Amino acid sequence: MVVGYEPGQPGEPGYLVAGRHITRSHYEAVADVRTGFVLGERIRIRRHDYTVVGLTRRMVSSGGDPMVFIPLKDAQEAQFLKDNDAILNERERTAANPAFNRPGVPGLLEAVQASQASSRSVNAVLVQVQPGLSAEAQASLDEFIAGMASGDINVWTGPINLQDGTEYVADGAVATDDEVWYLPQLLEEVLKVELALAELLLHLRSLLCIERSLGPLD
C-alpha cells in the first residue's frame, strides 16, 4: 500500500529502524520492513522510480498490507494519473465515435480527449480537529507521540487479551512481529471500542429519525 505524506505532518511514519526520513520533494520512499525492500533499492510506482531511503516497522494498512511512504504530491499524482495504455485506448474509441469526431465541428474531438485524460477526483479533508486540548493534555499527548517515535513506548506491551478474554501477551512481555501480524481474533479493547461506536451510531440514528418526524431539534 502506497501512502503520501508531508514531512513533519500527520501520516509520517512514527519511527525508523534504518536509514532516514524523506528529505527530497520527489522520488524518495520509506518502506515497512515487511515489504522486503532494502535501503538503496529502487522501486517502480506507476511511471516513476523511487529510492528507498528509510525502513520502518509495523506500519501496515487496516488489511495488514505493509506500507510504502512517498512524498504527498507524488502519491496524489500516482493516484489520479491514468495509465498510458488506458489513455490511448480511450482516445481511439473516442475518435471512432462519430458523435465526437464531427468534420463540421473542429476542436471537439481534441476537447473530449483532453477531458478524458484528466480526473474529476479530488482530495478532501473529511475531519478537521478544532483546538481545545488543555496545556496539560497537549503536553501528555506530545510526550506519548515522542515516546512512540523513539520506541520507548510500545503499545504491544502486555497485558493484552483477545476479545474472548484469553490472555494473548503476558504482563510485561512484548508481542512479536508475528503475533502482531497474525492476530487470531480482535483484541479486547478493540471490541469495546467497536461496541461503543455501534451504540453511538444507533443513538445518532434515533435522533435523526426524531428530527425527521418532529422537525429540527433545538
Protein backbone atom coordinates (compact mmCIF):
# COMPACT_ATOMS: atom_id res chain seq x y z
CA MET A 1 0.00 0.00 0.00
CA VAL A 2 1.39 3.40 -1.03
CA VAL A 3 0.86 6.36 1.32
CA GLY A 4 1.69 10.00 0.69
CA TYR A 5 2.64 12.42 3.44
CA GLU A 6 4.32 15.73 4.14
CA PRO A 7 7.38 15.61 6.44
CA GLY A 8 6.54 16.62 9.98
CA GLN A 9 2.80 16.33 9.37
CA PRO A 10 0.26 13.64 10.41
CA GLY A 11 0.78 10.44 8.45
CA GLU A 12 4.56 10.44 8.71
CA PRO A 13 5.98 7.05 9.81
CA GLY A 14 6.48 7.17 13.57
CA TYR A 15 10.00 5.81 13.76
CA LEU A 16 12.68 4.26 11.58
CA VAL A 17 14.71 1.12 12.12
CA ALA A 18 17.24 2.04 9.42
CA GLY A 19 18.10 4.90 7.07
CA ARG A 20 16.49 8.33 7.19
CA HIS A 21 13.24 10.13 6.55
CA ILE A 22 12.33 11.58 3.17
CA THR A 23 14.08 14.91 2.58
CA ARG A 24 13.52 15.48 -1.15
CA SER A 25 10.20 16.60 -2.61
CA HIS A 26 10.15 13.75 -5.15
CA TYR A 27 11.25 10.16 -5.78
CA GLU A 28 12.27 9.02 -2.28
CA ALA A 29 10.47 6.40 -0.22
CA VAL A 30 10.32 4.91 3.27
CA ALA A 31 9.13 1.29 3.38
CA ASP A 32 7.97 -1.11 6.05
CA VAL A 33 10.44 -3.95 6.52
CA ARG A 34 7.68 -6.44 5.64
CA THR A 35 7.78 -5.23 2.04
CA GLY A 36 11.17 -6.90 1.68
CA PHE A 37 12.74 -3.74 0.25
CA VAL A 38 16.22 -2.72 1.39
CA LEU A 39 17.97 0.63 1.71
CA GLY A 40 19.08 2.00 -1.64
CA GLU A 41 16.71 -0.22 -3.63
CA ARG A 42 14.85 1.45 -6.48
CA ILE A 43 11.17 0.59 -6.78
CA ARG A 44 8.72 1.44 -9.56
CA ILE A 45 5.47 3.20 -8.62
CA ARG A 46 3.35 4.00 -11.66
CA ARG A 47 5.61 5.98 -14.04
CA HIS A 48 8.47 6.86 -11.68
CA ASP A 49 11.28 5.12 -9.81
CA TYR A 50 11.75 5.75 -6.08
CA THR A 51 14.82 5.15 -3.94
CA VAL A 52 14.22 3.55 -0.55
CA VAL A 53 15.98 5.85 1.93
CA GLY A 54 14.44 4.58 5.17
CA LEU A 55 12.87 1.49 6.72
CA THR A 56 10.15 1.41 9.34
CA ARG A 57 8.29 -1.37 11.14
CA ARG A 58 4.67 -2.25 11.93
CA MET A 59 3.30 0.33 9.51
CA VAL A 60 0.51 -1.56 7.78
CA SER A 61 -2.92 -0.84 6.35
CA SER A 62 -6.15 -1.93 8.02
CA GLY A 63 -5.96 -5.03 5.84
CA GLY A 64 -2.43 -5.87 7.02
CA ASP A 65 -0.59 -4.78 3.87
CA PRO A 66 2.86 -3.24 4.53
CA MET A 67 3.11 0.43 3.61
CA VAL A 68 5.46 2.38 1.36
CA PHE A 69 5.62 6.12 2.12
CA ILE A 70 6.37 8.65 -0.61
CA PRO A 71 6.01 12.47 -0.85
CA LEU A 72 2.37 13.60 -0.82
CA LYS A 73 2.40 15.25 -4.25
CA ASP A 74 3.91 12.12 -5.82
CA ALA A 75 1.21 9.98 -4.19
CA GLN A 76 -1.54 12.28 -5.47
CA GLU A 77 -0.13 12.08 -8.98
CA ALA A 78 0.13 8.29 -8.79
CA GLN A 79 -3.46 8.04 -7.55
CA PHE A 80 -5.07 10.21 -10.21
CA LEU A 81 -2.74 9.69 -13.17
CA LYS A 82 -4.24 7.38 -15.76
CA ASP A 83 -2.20 4.60 -17.36
CA ASN A 84 -0.73 5.42 -20.81
CA ASP A 85 -2.30 2.38 -22.50
CA ALA A 86 -5.70 3.21 -21.00
CA ILE A 87 -5.47 6.79 -22.32
CA LEU A 88 -4.51 5.59 -25.84
CA ASN A 89 -7.32 3.03 -25.94
CA GLU A 90 -9.85 5.59 -24.77
CA ARG A 91 -8.67 8.11 -27.37
CA GLU A 92 -9.04 5.52 -30.15
CA ARG A 93 -12.58 4.66 -29.06
CA THR A 94 -13.49 8.33 -28.88
CA ALA A 95 -12.03 9.07 -32.33
CA ALA A 96 -14.08 6.21 -33.79
CA ASN A 97 -17.28 7.67 -32.33
CA PRO A 98 -18.93 9.94 -34.96
CA ALA A 99 -20.66 11.91 -32.20
CA PHE A 100 -17.29 13.22 -31.03
CA ASN A 101 -15.44 13.30 -34.36
CA ARG A 102 -17.59 15.60 -36.49
CA PRO A 103 -15.99 17.14 -39.60
CA GLY A 104 -18.00 20.32 -39.16
CA VAL A 105 -17.02 20.88 -35.52
CA PRO A 106 -13.27 21.47 -35.35
CA GLY A 107 -11.68 21.05 -31.94
CA LEU A 108 -14.49 18.93 -30.47
CA LEU A 109 -12.54 15.66 -30.59
CA GLU A 110 -9.44 17.24 -29.02
CA ALA A 111 -11.50 18.78 -26.23
CA VAL A 112 -13.20 15.49 -25.40
CA GLN A 113 -9.90 13.61 -25.41
CA ALA A 114 -8.31 16.22 -23.14
CA SER A 115 -11.13 15.83 -20.63
CA GLN A 116 -10.67 12.06 -20.65
CA ALA A 117 -7.02 12.39 -19.66
CA SER A 118 -7.89 14.40 -16.57
CA SER A 119 -9.60 13.28 -13.38
CA ARG A 120 -12.57 14.72 -11.52
CA SER A 121 -11.41 13.08 -8.30
CA VAL A 122 -10.18 15.38 -5.55
CA ASN A 123 -8.53 15.09 -2.18
CA ALA A 124 -10.66 16.35 0.66
CA VAL A 125 -10.30 16.93 4.38
CA LEU A 126 -13.06 14.82 5.91
CA VAL A 127 -12.38 15.69 9.54
CA GLN A 128 -10.60 18.69 10.98
CA VAL A 129 -9.80 18.72 14.68
CA GLN A 130 -10.51 22.01 16.38
CA PRO A 131 -8.17 23.32 19.10
CA GLY A 132 -9.44 22.54 22.57
CA LEU A 133 -6.84 20.47 24.39
CA SER A 134 -5.68 21.85 27.70
CA ALA A 135 -1.97 22.60 28.09
CA GLU A 136 -1.64 19.57 30.37
CA ALA A 137 -3.40 17.26 27.91
CA GLN A 138 -1.33 18.60 25.00
CA ALA A 139 1.89 18.02 26.93
CA SER A 140 0.80 14.47 27.74
CA LEU A 141 -0.07 13.82 24.08
CA ASP A 142 3.27 15.25 22.90
CA GLU A 143 5.10 13.03 25.40
CA PHE A 144 3.21 9.96 24.15
CA ILE A 145 3.95 10.74 20.48
CA ALA A 146 7.64 11.30 21.27
CA GLY A 147 7.75 8.00 23.17
CA MET A 148 6.18 6.18 20.22
CA ALA A 149 8.65 7.77 17.80
CA SER A 150 11.68 6.88 19.93
CA GLY A 151 10.49 3.35 20.68
CA ASP A 152 10.34 3.95 24.44
CA ILE A 153 6.58 3.31 24.35
CA ASN A 154 5.33 0.10 22.77
CA VAL A 155 1.55 -0.31 22.64
CA TRP A 156 2.06 -4.04 22.17
CA THR A 157 3.37 -4.47 25.71
CA GLY A 158 1.24 -6.80 27.86
CA PRO A 159 -1.08 -7.49 29.42
CA ILE A 160 -3.10 -7.85 26.21
CA ASN A 161 -6.19 -10.04 25.95
CA LEU A 162 -8.17 -11.29 22.99
CA GLN A 163 -11.84 -10.39 22.63
CA ASP A 164 -12.90 -13.65 24.29
CA GLY A 165 -10.82 -12.78 27.35
CA THR A 166 -7.94 -15.15 26.59
CA GLU A 167 -4.52 -13.79 27.52
CA TYR A 168 -2.52 -13.09 24.36
CA VAL A 169 0.53 -11.22 25.67
CA ALA A 170 1.59 -11.68 29.29
CA ASP A 171 2.02 -8.74 31.64
CA GLY A 172 5.34 -7.00 30.86
CA ALA A 173 6.01 -9.06 27.72
CA VAL A 174 6.14 -7.53 24.23
CA ALA A 175 4.32 -9.06 21.26
CA THR A 176 6.50 -10.38 18.45
CA ASP A 177 6.03 -9.21 14.86
CA ASP A 178 4.27 -12.46 14.00
CA GLU A 179 1.90 -12.05 16.96
CA VAL A 180 1.06 -8.54 15.78
CA TRP A 181 0.55 -9.59 12.17
CA TYR A 182 -1.38 -12.79 12.75
CA LEU A 183 -3.93 -11.99 15.43
CA PRO A 184 -6.32 -14.95 15.80
CA GLN A 185 -9.15 -12.53 16.67
CA LEU A 186 -9.75 -8.91 17.66
CA LEU A 187 -8.30 -7.59 20.88
CA GLU A 188 -10.43 -7.00 23.94
CA GLU A 189 -10.11 -3.20 23.86
CA VAL A 190 -10.82 -3.07 20.12
CA LEU A 191 -14.08 -4.90 20.69
CA LYS A 192 -15.05 -2.40 23.40
CA VAL A 193 -14.39 0.49 21.00
CA GLU A 194 -16.46 -1.17 18.26
CA LEU A 195 -19.37 -1.71 20.66
CA ALA A 196 -19.18 1.91 21.83
CA LEU A 197 -19.19 3.15 18.21
CA ALA A 198 -22.15 0.92 17.39
CA GLU A 199 -24.10 2.33 20.35
CA LEU A 200 -23.22 5.88 19.26
CA LEU A 201 -24.40 5.23 15.69
CA LEU A 202 -27.68 3.78 16.96
CA HIS A 203 -28.16 6.84 19.14
CA LEU A 204 -27.46 9.22 16.25
CA ARG A 205 -29.83 7.27 14.02
CA SER A 206 -32.62 7.55 16.58
CA LEU A 207 -32.03 11.31 16.87
CA LEU A 208 -32.17 11.61 13.08
CA CYS A 209 -35.49 9.76 12.98
CA ILE A 210 -36.91 12.07 15.66
CA GLU A 211 -35.73 15.15 13.77
CA ARG A 212 -37.31 13.95 10.56
CA SER A 213 -40.64 13.33 12.26
CA LEU A 214 -40.75 16.39 14.54
CA GLY A 215 -38.55 18.88 12.74
CA PRO A 216 -35.16 20.31 13.75
CA LEU A 217 -34.21 19.83 17.38
CA ASP A 218 -33.26 22.90 19.41
